[in-house]
C-alpha cells in the first residue's frame, strides 16, 4: 500500500508549498501529491482552489492574475518547476491538474523534465476532469494516469479505460471493504483520499487498498 502525501503534507506545513513537499519526503512517503493551476501569464503554480487571498482579505484569481502579482501576495507560492528542481527526481510525483486548466505549459514542463533526469515512471498525472485527463493522455501517453472520482466505481472504470490506466483515486467516504476487494480482484488499484486514520487504512489494506492519500504521513509508519 502506497503512502501519498496530500498537497505535499498539508498536516505538517502549508499545503501545496515546497515546505509541504519536503515534509512529505522527510517522512518517507512513496509519493507526494499536489495541485496545478496556470496563471494569466502562463506560469504553472501549485494551488488547490484557484484563488489567493492576501493578508488584507483581497482575493486574486490565479487564471486572471500574473505570477509576479500573485507571488507578492503569497510569498510561498510555488511553481511546478520549483518542485521539480527541489525534489530532483528522488520522489514520485502525483500531479493533479485542476479541471479546466490549460495544459500546454504543464506538458512543456514535463517534456523538458524528461530530458533532464526525470523518468516517465517518476510521474503520475491525475484529474477529476475527464476532458483534462484525455488531453493529457493524448500529449503524454506513456505517463501513468490516475482517474480521480469521488464516488462511482462504474464511472471511474469507464473513465480509466479511456486513458489506459488501472489506478482510481476515490473519496474515502465512498469506500468500503467489499468494494475495495471486488475492485482489487479485477485488477483495479484504488487510492483512498483523504485518509488520515492508519487503523482504517490497515483494515482496507487487507482487502487490497493500493494507496492512501493523507495529510499526515507521519502517522503511517
N, C-alpha and C. Protein backbone atom coordinates (compact mmCIF):
# COMPACT_ATOMS: atom_id res chain seq x y z
N UNK A 1 0.84 -1.19 0.00
CA UNK A 1 0.00 0.00 0.00
C UNK A 1 0.88 1.25 0.00
N UNK A 2 0.68 2.11 -0.97
CA UNK A 2 1.47 3.33 -1.11
C UNK A 2 0.96 4.40 -0.14
N UNK A 3 1.89 5.11 0.47
CA UNK A 3 1.56 6.26 1.31
C UNK A 3 1.88 7.52 0.51
N UNK A 4 0.86 8.35 0.32
CA UNK A 4 0.97 9.51 -0.57
C UNK A 4 0.68 10.78 0.24
N UNK A 5 1.62 11.69 0.24
CA UNK A 5 1.43 12.95 0.95
C UNK A 5 0.46 13.85 0.22
N UNK A 6 -0.61 14.27 0.89
CA UNK A 6 -1.66 15.09 0.29
C UNK A 6 -1.27 16.56 0.25
N UNK A 7 -1.25 17.13 -0.96
CA UNK A 7 -0.83 18.53 -1.16
C UNK A 7 0.53 18.77 -0.53
N UNK A 8 1.40 17.79 -0.70
CA UNK A 8 2.71 17.76 -0.06
C UNK A 8 2.58 16.96 1.21
N UNK A 9 2.35 17.64 2.29
CA UNK A 9 1.97 17.03 3.57
C UNK A 9 1.29 18.14 4.35
N UNK A 10 0.02 18.40 4.01
CA UNK A 10 -0.63 19.62 4.49
C UNK A 10 -0.91 19.63 5.99
N UNK A 11 -0.78 18.47 6.63
CA UNK A 11 -0.92 18.44 8.08
C UNK A 11 0.33 18.90 8.80
N UNK A 12 1.43 19.06 8.04
CA UNK A 12 2.72 19.40 8.65
C UNK A 12 3.28 20.73 8.18
N UNK A 13 2.78 21.25 7.06
CA UNK A 13 3.25 22.52 6.51
C UNK A 13 2.16 23.07 5.60
N UNK A 14 2.20 24.36 5.28
CA UNK A 14 1.18 24.93 4.41
C UNK A 14 1.06 24.14 3.11
N UNK A 15 -0.17 23.81 2.74
CA UNK A 15 -0.40 22.93 1.59
C UNK A 15 0.12 23.51 0.28
N UNK A 16 0.51 22.60 -0.60
CA UNK A 16 0.96 22.97 -1.95
C UNK A 16 2.11 23.97 -1.95
N UNK A 17 3.02 23.78 -1.00
CA UNK A 17 4.24 24.59 -0.95
C UNK A 17 5.45 23.68 -1.02
N UNK A 18 6.61 24.27 -1.29
CA UNK A 18 7.84 23.49 -1.28
C UNK A 18 8.05 22.86 0.09
N UNK A 19 7.75 23.63 1.14
CA UNK A 19 7.91 23.12 2.51
C UNK A 19 7.07 21.87 2.74
N UNK A 20 5.84 21.86 2.24
CA UNK A 20 4.95 20.71 2.42
C UNK A 20 5.46 19.50 1.64
N UNK A 21 5.95 19.74 0.43
CA UNK A 21 6.50 18.65 -0.37
C UNK A 21 7.71 18.03 0.33
N UNK A 22 8.59 18.87 0.84
CA UNK A 22 9.79 18.37 1.52
C UNK A 22 9.45 17.66 2.82
N UNK A 23 8.38 18.12 3.50
CA UNK A 23 7.94 17.41 4.71
C UNK A 23 7.47 16.00 4.37
N UNK A 24 6.76 15.87 3.25
CA UNK A 24 6.33 14.55 2.82
C UNK A 24 7.51 13.63 2.58
N UNK A 25 8.52 14.17 1.89
CA UNK A 25 9.72 13.38 1.62
C UNK A 25 10.43 13.03 2.92
N UNK A 26 10.50 13.98 3.84
CA UNK A 26 11.15 13.74 5.14
C UNK A 26 10.51 12.57 5.86
N UNK A 27 9.20 12.42 5.69
CA UNK A 27 8.50 11.33 6.37
C UNK A 27 8.34 10.10 5.47
N UNK A 28 9.17 10.03 4.45
CA UNK A 28 9.37 8.83 3.63
C UNK A 28 8.10 8.33 2.95
N UNK A 29 7.33 9.28 2.41
CA UNK A 29 6.18 8.87 1.62
C UNK A 29 6.65 8.18 0.34
N UNK A 30 5.77 7.41 -0.24
CA UNK A 30 6.08 6.77 -1.52
C UNK A 30 5.95 7.76 -2.67
N UNK A 31 5.08 8.74 -2.50
CA UNK A 31 4.95 9.81 -3.48
C UNK A 31 4.27 11.00 -2.83
N UNK A 32 4.42 12.17 -3.46
CA UNK A 32 3.72 13.36 -2.98
C UNK A 32 2.72 13.80 -4.05
N UNK A 33 1.57 14.24 -3.57
CA UNK A 33 0.50 14.74 -4.45
C UNK A 33 0.40 16.24 -4.29
N UNK A 34 0.13 16.94 -5.40
CA UNK A 34 -0.12 18.37 -5.33
C UNK A 34 -0.96 18.78 -6.53
N UNK A 35 -1.50 20.01 -6.46
CA UNK A 35 -2.43 20.51 -7.47
C UNK A 35 -1.78 21.57 -8.34
N UNK A 36 -2.10 21.56 -9.63
CA UNK A 36 -1.54 22.54 -10.54
C UNK A 36 -2.62 23.44 -11.15
N UNK A 37 -2.27 24.72 -11.22
CA UNK A 37 -3.07 25.71 -11.94
C UNK A 37 -2.11 26.59 -12.74
N UNK A 38 -2.68 27.36 -13.67
CA UNK A 38 -1.86 28.16 -14.58
C UNK A 38 -2.26 29.63 -14.46
N UNK A 39 -1.27 30.50 -14.27
CA UNK A 39 -1.52 31.93 -14.14
C UNK A 39 -1.85 32.55 -15.49
N UNK A 40 -2.27 33.80 -15.45
CA UNK A 40 -2.63 34.53 -16.67
C UNK A 40 -1.45 34.59 -17.64
N UNK A 41 -0.23 34.71 -17.10
CA UNK A 41 0.94 34.80 -17.96
C UNK A 41 1.63 33.45 -18.17
N UNK A 42 0.90 32.36 -17.90
CA UNK A 42 1.36 31.03 -18.29
C UNK A 42 2.32 30.34 -17.36
N UNK A 43 2.42 30.79 -16.11
CA UNK A 43 3.27 30.12 -15.13
C UNK A 43 2.45 29.05 -14.41
N UNK A 44 3.01 27.85 -14.31
CA UNK A 44 2.32 26.74 -13.66
C UNK A 44 2.65 26.75 -12.18
N UNK A 45 1.62 26.90 -11.35
CA UNK A 45 1.82 27.02 -9.90
C UNK A 45 1.03 25.97 -9.14
N UNK A 46 1.41 25.76 -7.90
CA UNK A 46 0.72 24.83 -7.03
C UNK A 46 -0.38 25.56 -6.27
N UNK A 47 -1.62 25.11 -6.46
CA UNK A 47 -2.75 25.71 -5.74
C UNK A 47 -3.97 24.82 -5.94
N UNK A 48 -4.79 24.76 -4.92
CA UNK A 48 -5.98 23.92 -4.99
C UNK A 48 -7.22 24.68 -5.43
N UNK A 49 -7.49 25.82 -4.83
CA UNK A 49 -8.78 26.49 -5.02
C UNK A 49 -8.84 27.45 -6.19
N UNK A 50 -7.68 27.89 -6.68
CA UNK A 50 -7.67 28.81 -7.81
C UNK A 50 -7.77 30.27 -7.42
N UNK A 51 -7.81 30.55 -6.13
CA UNK A 51 -7.91 31.92 -5.63
C UNK A 51 -6.92 32.12 -4.50
N UNK A 52 -6.17 33.19 -4.57
CA UNK A 52 -5.23 33.54 -3.50
C UNK A 52 -5.76 34.76 -2.76
N UNK A 53 -5.86 34.64 -1.45
CA UNK A 53 -6.35 35.74 -0.61
C UNK A 53 -5.17 36.36 0.12
N UNK A 54 -4.98 37.67 -0.08
CA UNK A 54 -3.85 38.33 0.57
C UNK A 54 -4.20 38.67 2.03
N UNK A 55 -3.23 39.13 2.82
CA UNK A 55 -3.49 39.42 4.24
C UNK A 55 -4.61 40.43 4.48
N UNK A 56 -4.90 41.26 3.49
CA UNK A 56 -5.98 42.25 3.64
C UNK A 56 -7.35 41.68 3.30
N UNK A 57 -7.37 40.41 2.88
CA UNK A 57 -8.63 39.78 2.52
C UNK A 57 -9.01 39.92 1.06
N UNK A 58 -8.17 40.57 0.27
CA UNK A 58 -8.44 40.72 -1.17
C UNK A 58 -8.15 39.42 -1.89
N UNK A 59 -9.07 39.02 -2.75
CA UNK A 59 -8.92 37.76 -3.47
C UNK A 59 -8.37 38.00 -4.86
N UNK A 60 -7.47 37.11 -5.27
CA UNK A 60 -6.85 37.18 -6.58
C UNK A 60 -7.04 35.84 -7.29
N UNK A 61 -7.75 35.87 -8.41
CA UNK A 61 -7.98 34.65 -9.18
C UNK A 61 -6.72 34.33 -9.98
N UNK A 62 -6.23 33.12 -9.83
CA UNK A 62 -4.95 32.75 -10.45
C UNK A 62 -5.00 32.88 -11.97
N UNK A 63 -6.07 32.42 -12.58
CA UNK A 63 -6.15 32.45 -14.04
C UNK A 63 -6.24 33.85 -14.61
N UNK A 64 -6.56 34.83 -13.75
CA UNK A 64 -6.71 36.21 -14.21
C UNK A 64 -5.61 37.12 -13.68
N UNK A 65 -4.59 36.53 -13.07
CA UNK A 65 -3.51 37.32 -12.46
C UNK A 65 -2.15 36.83 -12.93
N UNK A 66 -1.20 37.75 -13.07
CA UNK A 66 0.16 37.37 -13.42
C UNK A 66 0.89 36.81 -12.20
N UNK A 67 1.87 35.98 -12.49
CA UNK A 67 2.61 35.29 -11.43
C UNK A 67 3.24 36.26 -10.44
N UNK A 68 3.90 37.31 -10.93
CA UNK A 68 4.59 38.24 -10.04
C UNK A 68 3.64 38.89 -9.04
N UNK A 69 2.44 39.20 -9.50
CA UNK A 69 1.43 39.80 -8.62
C UNK A 69 1.02 38.80 -7.54
N UNK A 70 0.75 37.57 -7.96
CA UNK A 70 0.35 36.53 -7.01
C UNK A 70 1.45 36.25 -5.99
N UNK A 71 2.68 36.20 -6.48
CA UNK A 71 3.82 35.92 -5.60
C UNK A 71 3.99 37.03 -4.56
N UNK A 72 3.69 38.26 -4.94
CA UNK A 72 3.82 39.37 -3.99
C UNK A 72 2.81 39.26 -2.86
N UNK A 73 1.69 38.59 -3.12
CA UNK A 73 0.66 38.42 -2.10
C UNK A 73 0.80 37.10 -1.34
N UNK A 74 1.50 36.15 -1.97
CA UNK A 74 1.70 34.84 -1.33
C UNK A 74 3.15 34.42 -1.57
N UNK A 75 4.07 34.84 -0.70
CA UNK A 75 5.49 34.60 -0.92
C UNK A 75 5.87 33.12 -1.07
N UNK A 76 5.09 32.22 -0.46
CA UNK A 76 5.44 30.80 -0.57
C UNK A 76 4.74 30.11 -1.74
N UNK A 77 4.15 30.90 -2.64
CA UNK A 77 3.54 30.32 -3.84
C UNK A 77 4.62 29.60 -4.64
N UNK A 78 4.42 28.33 -4.87
CA UNK A 78 5.44 27.51 -5.54
C UNK A 78 5.06 27.27 -7.00
N UNK A 79 6.07 27.19 -7.84
CA UNK A 79 5.84 26.80 -9.23
C UNK A 79 6.13 25.31 -9.40
N UNK A 80 5.56 24.75 -10.44
CA UNK A 80 5.80 23.34 -10.76
C UNK A 80 7.29 23.11 -10.99
N UNK A 81 7.92 24.03 -11.70
CA UNK A 81 9.34 23.87 -11.98
C UNK A 81 10.15 23.87 -10.69
N UNK A 82 9.77 24.70 -9.73
CA UNK A 82 10.49 24.74 -8.46
C UNK A 82 10.38 23.42 -7.72
N UNK A 83 9.22 22.78 -7.80
CA UNK A 83 9.06 21.46 -7.17
C UNK A 83 9.96 20.44 -7.83
N UNK A 84 9.99 20.44 -9.15
CA UNK A 84 10.87 19.52 -9.87
C UNK A 84 12.33 19.75 -9.49
N UNK A 85 12.73 21.01 -9.38
CA UNK A 85 14.11 21.32 -9.01
C UNK A 85 14.41 20.93 -7.56
N UNK A 86 13.43 21.13 -6.67
CA UNK A 86 13.65 20.85 -5.25
C UNK A 86 13.70 19.36 -4.95
N UNK A 87 12.93 18.57 -5.70
CA UNK A 87 12.86 17.13 -5.42
C UNK A 87 13.88 16.34 -6.22
N UNK A 88 14.35 16.90 -7.34
CA UNK A 88 15.45 16.31 -8.11
C UNK A 88 15.21 14.83 -8.44
N UNK A 89 14.01 14.53 -8.87
CA UNK A 89 13.57 13.18 -9.26
C UNK A 89 13.94 12.09 -8.24
N UNK A 90 13.88 12.45 -6.94
CA UNK A 90 14.14 11.49 -5.87
C UNK A 90 12.86 10.96 -5.25
N UNK A 91 11.72 11.45 -5.70
CA UNK A 91 10.44 11.02 -5.17
C UNK A 91 9.44 10.99 -6.33
N UNK A 92 8.51 10.08 -6.28
CA UNK A 92 7.49 10.02 -7.31
C UNK A 92 6.47 11.13 -7.07
N UNK A 93 6.05 11.79 -8.13
CA UNK A 93 5.13 12.92 -8.02
C UNK A 93 3.77 12.55 -8.61
N UNK A 94 2.73 12.74 -7.82
CA UNK A 94 1.34 12.55 -8.23
C UNK A 94 0.79 13.95 -8.48
N UNK A 95 0.64 14.28 -9.73
CA UNK A 95 0.30 15.64 -10.15
C UNK A 95 -1.17 15.70 -10.53
N UNK A 96 -1.94 16.47 -9.76
CA UNK A 96 -3.35 16.66 -10.11
C UNK A 96 -3.50 17.97 -10.87
N UNK A 97 -3.96 17.88 -12.10
CA UNK A 97 -4.23 19.07 -12.91
C UNK A 97 -5.70 19.43 -12.70
N UNK A 98 -5.94 20.61 -12.22
CA UNK A 98 -7.31 21.00 -11.88
C UNK A 98 -8.15 21.17 -13.14
N UNK A 99 -9.44 20.95 -12.98
CA UNK A 99 -10.38 20.97 -14.10
C UNK A 99 -10.37 22.33 -14.80
N UNK A 100 -10.33 22.28 -16.11
CA UNK A 100 -10.42 23.49 -16.91
C UNK A 100 -9.12 24.23 -17.11
N UNK A 101 -8.03 23.76 -16.51
CA UNK A 101 -6.75 24.45 -16.68
C UNK A 101 -6.15 24.15 -18.05
N UNK A 102 -5.54 25.14 -18.69
CA UNK A 102 -4.85 24.88 -19.96
C UNK A 102 -3.63 24.00 -19.71
N UNK A 103 -3.44 23.00 -20.53
CA UNK A 103 -2.40 22.01 -20.23
C UNK A 103 -1.08 22.26 -20.96
N UNK A 104 -1.06 23.19 -21.91
CA UNK A 104 0.12 23.34 -22.77
C UNK A 104 1.39 23.60 -21.96
N UNK A 105 1.34 24.55 -21.03
CA UNK A 105 2.54 24.88 -20.24
C UNK A 105 2.94 23.71 -19.35
N UNK A 106 1.96 22.98 -18.84
CA UNK A 106 2.23 21.82 -17.99
C UNK A 106 2.95 20.74 -18.80
N UNK A 107 2.43 20.47 -19.98
CA UNK A 107 3.03 19.46 -20.86
C UNK A 107 4.45 19.84 -21.23
N UNK A 108 4.69 21.11 -21.52
CA UNK A 108 6.03 21.57 -21.89
C UNK A 108 7.02 21.34 -20.75
N UNK A 109 6.61 21.68 -19.53
CA UNK A 109 7.49 21.48 -18.37
C UNK A 109 7.81 20.00 -18.18
N UNK A 110 6.80 19.16 -18.31
CA UNK A 110 7.03 17.72 -18.13
C UNK A 110 7.97 17.18 -19.21
N UNK A 111 7.75 17.58 -20.45
CA UNK A 111 8.63 17.10 -21.53
C UNK A 111 10.07 17.55 -21.30
N UNK A 112 10.24 18.77 -20.84
CA UNK A 112 11.59 19.25 -20.54
C UNK A 112 12.22 18.49 -19.38
N UNK A 113 11.39 18.16 -18.37
CA UNK A 113 11.91 17.42 -17.22
C UNK A 113 12.40 16.03 -17.63
N UNK A 114 11.73 15.45 -18.62
CA UNK A 114 12.13 14.11 -19.09
C UNK A 114 13.46 14.15 -19.83
N UNK A 115 13.86 15.33 -20.27
CA UNK A 115 15.17 15.50 -20.92
C UNK A 115 16.25 15.81 -19.89
N UNK A 116 15.85 16.02 -18.65
CA UNK A 116 16.78 16.47 -17.61
C UNK A 116 16.77 15.59 -16.38
N UNK A 117 16.70 14.29 -16.58
CA UNK A 117 16.88 13.35 -15.48
C UNK A 117 15.64 12.67 -14.95
N UNK A 118 14.48 13.27 -15.18
CA UNK A 118 13.25 12.62 -14.75
C UNK A 118 12.88 11.49 -15.70
N UNK A 119 12.24 10.47 -15.14
CA UNK A 119 11.74 9.35 -15.95
C UNK A 119 10.22 9.39 -15.99
N UNK A 120 9.65 8.81 -17.03
CA UNK A 120 8.20 8.76 -17.12
C UNK A 120 7.59 8.07 -15.91
N UNK A 121 8.29 7.09 -15.37
CA UNK A 121 7.78 6.35 -14.22
C UNK A 121 7.83 7.16 -12.93
N UNK A 122 8.51 8.33 -12.94
CA UNK A 122 8.57 9.19 -11.76
C UNK A 122 7.31 10.03 -11.59
N UNK A 123 6.46 10.07 -12.61
CA UNK A 123 5.32 10.97 -12.62
C UNK A 123 4.02 10.22 -12.83
N UNK A 124 2.97 10.69 -12.16
CA UNK A 124 1.61 10.23 -12.40
C UNK A 124 0.75 11.47 -12.60
N UNK A 125 -0.14 11.43 -13.57
CA UNK A 125 -0.98 12.58 -13.87
C UNK A 125 -2.43 12.23 -13.60
N UNK A 126 -3.09 13.06 -12.78
CA UNK A 126 -4.48 12.81 -12.44
C UNK A 126 -5.33 14.04 -12.63
N UNK A 127 -6.64 13.84 -12.75
CA UNK A 127 -7.58 14.95 -12.81
C UNK A 127 -8.99 14.43 -12.52
N UNK A 128 -9.81 15.31 -11.95
CA UNK A 128 -11.23 15.00 -11.80
C UNK A 128 -11.97 15.22 -13.11
N UNK A 129 -11.37 15.99 -14.00
CA UNK A 129 -11.97 16.27 -15.30
C UNK A 129 -11.52 15.24 -16.32
N UNK A 130 -12.46 14.54 -16.92
CA UNK A 130 -12.09 13.57 -17.95
C UNK A 130 -11.55 14.26 -19.19
N UNK A 131 -12.09 15.41 -19.53
CA UNK A 131 -11.58 16.14 -20.69
C UNK A 131 -10.11 16.48 -20.48
N UNK A 132 -9.78 16.95 -19.29
CA UNK A 132 -8.38 17.29 -18.98
C UNK A 132 -7.51 16.05 -19.03
N UNK A 133 -7.99 14.96 -18.46
CA UNK A 133 -7.20 13.73 -18.41
C UNK A 133 -6.97 13.16 -19.81
N UNK A 134 -7.99 13.19 -20.63
CA UNK A 134 -7.85 12.70 -22.01
C UNK A 134 -6.86 13.57 -22.79
N UNK A 135 -6.92 14.87 -22.58
CA UNK A 135 -5.98 15.77 -23.25
C UNK A 135 -4.55 15.50 -22.81
N UNK A 136 -4.35 15.29 -21.52
CA UNK A 136 -3.02 14.95 -21.01
C UNK A 136 -2.54 13.63 -21.59
N UNK A 137 -3.45 12.68 -21.71
CA UNK A 137 -3.08 11.36 -22.24
C UNK A 137 -2.68 11.45 -23.71
N UNK A 138 -3.34 12.32 -24.45
CA UNK A 138 -3.01 12.46 -25.86
C UNK A 138 -1.63 13.07 -26.06
N UNK A 139 -1.22 13.95 -25.12
CA UNK A 139 0.08 14.61 -25.23
C UNK A 139 1.20 13.81 -24.57
N UNK A 140 0.86 13.08 -23.51
CA UNK A 140 1.85 12.33 -22.73
C UNK A 140 1.34 10.91 -22.51
N UNK A 141 1.22 10.13 -23.58
CA UNK A 141 0.57 8.81 -23.48
C UNK A 141 1.31 7.79 -22.62
N UNK A 142 2.62 7.98 -22.43
CA UNK A 142 3.40 6.96 -21.72
C UNK A 142 3.55 7.24 -20.23
N UNK A 143 2.95 8.33 -19.75
CA UNK A 143 2.96 8.62 -18.31
C UNK A 143 1.67 8.09 -17.70
N UNK A 144 1.78 7.36 -16.60
CA UNK A 144 0.64 6.75 -15.93
C UNK A 144 -0.38 7.80 -15.52
N UNK A 145 -1.66 7.50 -15.77
CA UNK A 145 -2.74 8.41 -15.39
C UNK A 145 -3.46 7.89 -14.15
N UNK A 146 -4.08 8.81 -13.42
CA UNK A 146 -4.93 8.48 -12.28
C UNK A 146 -6.29 9.12 -12.49
N UNK A 147 -7.31 8.33 -12.51
CA UNK A 147 -8.68 8.85 -12.55
C UNK A 147 -9.07 9.26 -11.14
N UNK A 148 -9.46 10.51 -10.96
CA UNK A 148 -9.91 10.98 -9.64
C UNK A 148 -11.41 11.17 -9.72
N UNK A 149 -12.12 10.41 -8.89
CA UNK A 149 -13.58 10.47 -8.90
C UNK A 149 -14.09 10.22 -7.48
N UNK A 150 -15.09 10.97 -7.08
CA UNK A 150 -15.50 10.94 -5.68
C UNK A 150 -16.15 9.64 -5.25
N UNK A 151 -17.02 9.06 -6.11
CA UNK A 151 -17.90 8.03 -5.53
C UNK A 151 -18.23 6.83 -6.41
N UNK A 152 -18.22 6.93 -7.72
CA UNK A 152 -18.77 5.86 -8.56
C UNK A 152 -17.70 4.97 -9.17
N UNK A 153 -17.77 3.69 -8.82
CA UNK A 153 -16.88 2.72 -9.43
C UNK A 153 -17.17 2.53 -10.91
N UNK A 154 -18.42 2.57 -11.29
CA UNK A 154 -18.80 2.37 -12.69
C UNK A 154 -18.26 3.50 -13.56
N UNK A 155 -18.48 4.74 -13.12
CA UNK A 155 -17.98 5.89 -13.88
C UNK A 155 -16.45 5.89 -13.90
N UNK A 156 -15.86 5.58 -12.76
CA UNK A 156 -14.40 5.60 -12.66
C UNK A 156 -13.74 4.60 -13.60
N UNK A 157 -14.26 3.39 -13.64
CA UNK A 157 -13.65 2.38 -14.50
C UNK A 157 -13.85 2.71 -15.98
N UNK A 158 -14.99 3.29 -16.29
CA UNK A 158 -15.23 3.71 -17.68
C UNK A 158 -14.22 4.78 -18.08
N UNK A 159 -14.02 5.74 -17.19
CA UNK A 159 -13.04 6.80 -17.45
C UNK A 159 -11.63 6.21 -17.58
N UNK A 160 -11.29 5.29 -16.69
CA UNK A 160 -9.95 4.72 -16.66
C UNK A 160 -9.62 4.00 -17.96
N UNK A 161 -10.58 3.30 -18.52
CA UNK A 161 -10.34 2.57 -19.77
C UNK A 161 -10.02 3.53 -20.91
N UNK A 162 -10.58 4.72 -20.86
CA UNK A 162 -10.34 5.70 -21.93
C UNK A 162 -8.91 6.22 -21.93
N UNK A 163 -8.24 6.16 -20.79
CA UNK A 163 -6.86 6.67 -20.71
C UNK A 163 -5.88 5.55 -20.33
N UNK A 164 -6.31 4.32 -20.51
CA UNK A 164 -5.43 3.15 -20.38
C UNK A 164 -4.73 3.10 -19.02
N UNK A 165 -5.52 3.23 -17.95
CA UNK A 165 -4.95 3.13 -16.61
C UNK A 165 -5.78 2.20 -15.74
N UNK A 166 -5.17 1.70 -14.68
CA UNK A 166 -5.90 0.89 -13.72
C UNK A 166 -5.89 1.51 -12.33
N UNK A 167 -5.49 2.79 -12.24
CA UNK A 167 -5.43 3.48 -10.95
C UNK A 167 -6.59 4.46 -10.83
N UNK A 168 -7.34 4.32 -9.74
CA UNK A 168 -8.50 5.18 -9.48
C UNK A 168 -8.39 5.72 -8.06
N UNK A 169 -8.44 7.04 -7.93
CA UNK A 169 -8.46 7.68 -6.61
C UNK A 169 -9.89 8.06 -6.28
N UNK A 170 -10.38 7.58 -5.12
CA UNK A 170 -11.75 7.84 -4.73
C UNK A 170 -11.82 8.39 -3.32
N UNK A 171 -12.86 9.18 -3.06
CA UNK A 171 -13.08 9.73 -1.72
C UNK A 171 -13.28 8.58 -0.73
N UNK A 172 -12.52 8.62 0.35
CA UNK A 172 -12.58 7.52 1.32
C UNK A 172 -13.97 7.37 1.94
N UNK A 173 -14.78 8.43 1.92
CA UNK A 173 -16.13 8.34 2.46
C UNK A 173 -17.04 7.49 1.59
N UNK A 174 -16.63 7.24 0.35
CA UNK A 174 -17.43 6.43 -0.56
C UNK A 174 -16.93 4.99 -0.67
N UNK A 175 -15.92 4.65 0.11
CA UNK A 175 -15.31 3.33 0.02
C UNK A 175 -15.75 2.42 1.16
N UNK A 176 -15.75 1.13 0.87
CA UNK A 176 -15.98 0.12 1.91
C UNK A 176 -15.22 -1.14 1.51
N UNK A 177 -15.05 -2.02 2.46
CA UNK A 177 -14.15 -3.16 2.30
C UNK A 177 -14.50 -4.03 1.11
N UNK A 178 -15.76 -4.39 0.96
CA UNK A 178 -16.15 -5.30 -0.11
C UNK A 178 -15.94 -4.67 -1.48
N UNK A 179 -16.19 -3.37 -1.58
CA UNK A 179 -15.96 -2.68 -2.84
C UNK A 179 -14.48 -2.71 -3.21
N UNK A 180 -13.62 -2.39 -2.23
CA UNK A 180 -12.18 -2.40 -2.47
C UNK A 180 -11.72 -3.79 -2.89
N UNK A 181 -12.20 -4.81 -2.19
CA UNK A 181 -11.83 -6.18 -2.51
C UNK A 181 -12.27 -6.57 -3.91
N UNK A 182 -13.50 -6.22 -4.27
CA UNK A 182 -14.02 -6.54 -5.59
C UNK A 182 -13.22 -5.87 -6.69
N UNK A 183 -12.90 -4.61 -6.49
CA UNK A 183 -12.12 -3.88 -7.49
C UNK A 183 -10.71 -4.45 -7.61
N UNK A 184 -10.09 -4.76 -6.48
CA UNK A 184 -8.73 -5.30 -6.50
C UNK A 184 -8.67 -6.63 -7.23
N UNK A 185 -9.68 -7.47 -7.04
CA UNK A 185 -9.70 -8.78 -7.70
C UNK A 185 -9.80 -8.65 -9.21
N UNK A 186 -10.34 -7.52 -9.66
CA UNK A 186 -10.48 -7.29 -11.10
C UNK A 186 -9.33 -6.47 -11.67
N UNK A 187 -8.31 -6.25 -10.84
CA UNK A 187 -7.10 -5.60 -11.33
C UNK A 187 -7.04 -4.10 -11.18
N UNK A 188 -8.02 -3.52 -10.48
CA UNK A 188 -8.02 -2.07 -10.28
C UNK A 188 -7.26 -1.71 -9.01
N UNK A 189 -6.48 -0.64 -9.08
CA UNK A 189 -5.77 -0.13 -7.91
C UNK A 189 -6.53 1.08 -7.37
N UNK A 190 -7.00 0.96 -6.14
CA UNK A 190 -7.79 2.04 -5.52
C UNK A 190 -6.92 2.82 -4.55
N UNK A 191 -6.88 4.13 -4.74
CA UNK A 191 -6.25 5.04 -3.80
C UNK A 191 -7.37 5.78 -3.06
N UNK A 192 -7.29 5.82 -1.74
CA UNK A 192 -8.31 6.48 -0.92
C UNK A 192 -7.83 7.87 -0.53
N UNK A 193 -8.67 8.87 -0.76
CA UNK A 193 -8.34 10.23 -0.31
C UNK A 193 -9.52 10.79 0.49
N UNK A 194 -9.32 11.70 1.39
CA UNK A 194 -8.09 11.94 2.12
C UNK A 194 -8.24 11.16 3.42
N UNK A 195 -7.36 10.19 3.61
CA UNK A 195 -7.48 9.24 4.72
C UNK A 195 -6.36 9.46 5.72
N UNK A 196 -6.74 9.90 6.92
CA UNK A 196 -5.75 10.19 7.97
C UNK A 196 -5.78 9.21 9.13
N UNK A 197 -6.53 8.13 8.97
CA UNK A 197 -6.71 7.12 10.02
C UNK A 197 -5.92 5.86 9.66
N UNK A 198 -4.76 5.64 10.27
CA UNK A 198 -3.94 4.48 9.94
C UNK A 198 -4.65 3.15 10.20
N UNK A 199 -5.52 3.09 11.21
CA UNK A 199 -6.21 1.84 11.52
C UNK A 199 -7.17 1.46 10.40
N UNK A 200 -7.91 2.44 9.90
CA UNK A 200 -8.82 2.16 8.79
C UNK A 200 -8.03 1.75 7.54
N UNK A 201 -6.92 2.44 7.31
CA UNK A 201 -6.09 2.12 6.15
C UNK A 201 -5.56 0.69 6.23
N UNK A 202 -5.15 0.29 7.43
CA UNK A 202 -4.62 -1.06 7.61
C UNK A 202 -5.71 -2.11 7.38
N UNK A 203 -6.94 -1.82 7.83
CA UNK A 203 -8.04 -2.75 7.59
C UNK A 203 -8.30 -2.89 6.10
N UNK A 204 -8.34 -1.76 5.42
CA UNK A 204 -8.62 -1.78 3.99
C UNK A 204 -7.47 -2.37 3.19
N UNK A 205 -6.26 -2.24 3.70
CA UNK A 205 -5.11 -2.83 3.03
C UNK A 205 -5.29 -4.34 2.88
N UNK A 206 -5.88 -4.96 3.88
CA UNK A 206 -6.13 -6.40 3.83
C UNK A 206 -7.10 -6.77 2.72
N UNK A 207 -7.90 -5.80 2.29
CA UNK A 207 -8.86 -6.06 1.22
C UNK A 207 -8.34 -5.60 -0.14
N UNK A 208 -7.10 -5.10 -0.15
CA UNK A 208 -6.49 -4.76 -1.43
C UNK A 208 -6.33 -3.28 -1.71
N UNK A 209 -6.52 -2.41 -0.71
CA UNK A 209 -6.32 -0.98 -0.94
C UNK A 209 -4.88 -0.74 -1.40
N UNK A 210 -4.74 -0.01 -2.51
CA UNK A 210 -3.42 0.15 -3.12
C UNK A 210 -2.69 1.40 -2.65
N UNK A 211 -3.44 2.40 -2.17
CA UNK A 211 -2.77 3.63 -1.76
C UNK A 211 -3.62 4.49 -0.85
N UNK A 212 -2.94 5.29 -0.03
CA UNK A 212 -3.59 6.21 0.90
C UNK A 212 -3.06 7.61 0.65
N UNK A 213 -3.94 8.53 0.34
CA UNK A 213 -3.57 9.94 0.23
C UNK A 213 -3.89 10.59 1.57
N UNK A 214 -2.84 11.07 2.26
CA UNK A 214 -3.02 11.52 3.63
C UNK A 214 -2.37 12.88 3.90
N UNK A 215 -3.01 13.66 4.77
CA UNK A 215 -2.43 14.93 5.23
C UNK A 215 -1.28 14.69 6.20
N UNK A 216 -1.30 13.53 6.85
CA UNK A 216 -0.39 13.27 7.96
C UNK A 216 0.42 12.00 7.76
N UNK A 217 1.39 12.03 6.87
CA UNK A 217 2.17 10.81 6.60
C UNK A 217 2.97 10.33 7.80
N UNK A 218 3.20 11.20 8.77
CA UNK A 218 3.96 10.79 9.96
C UNK A 218 3.21 9.73 10.77
N UNK A 219 1.89 9.63 10.57
CA UNK A 219 1.11 8.63 11.29
C UNK A 219 1.25 7.22 10.69
N UNK A 220 1.78 7.15 9.47
CA UNK A 220 1.83 5.88 8.76
C UNK A 220 3.27 5.37 8.74
N UNK A 221 3.62 4.66 9.76
CA UNK A 221 4.97 4.14 9.89
C UNK A 221 4.99 2.63 9.72
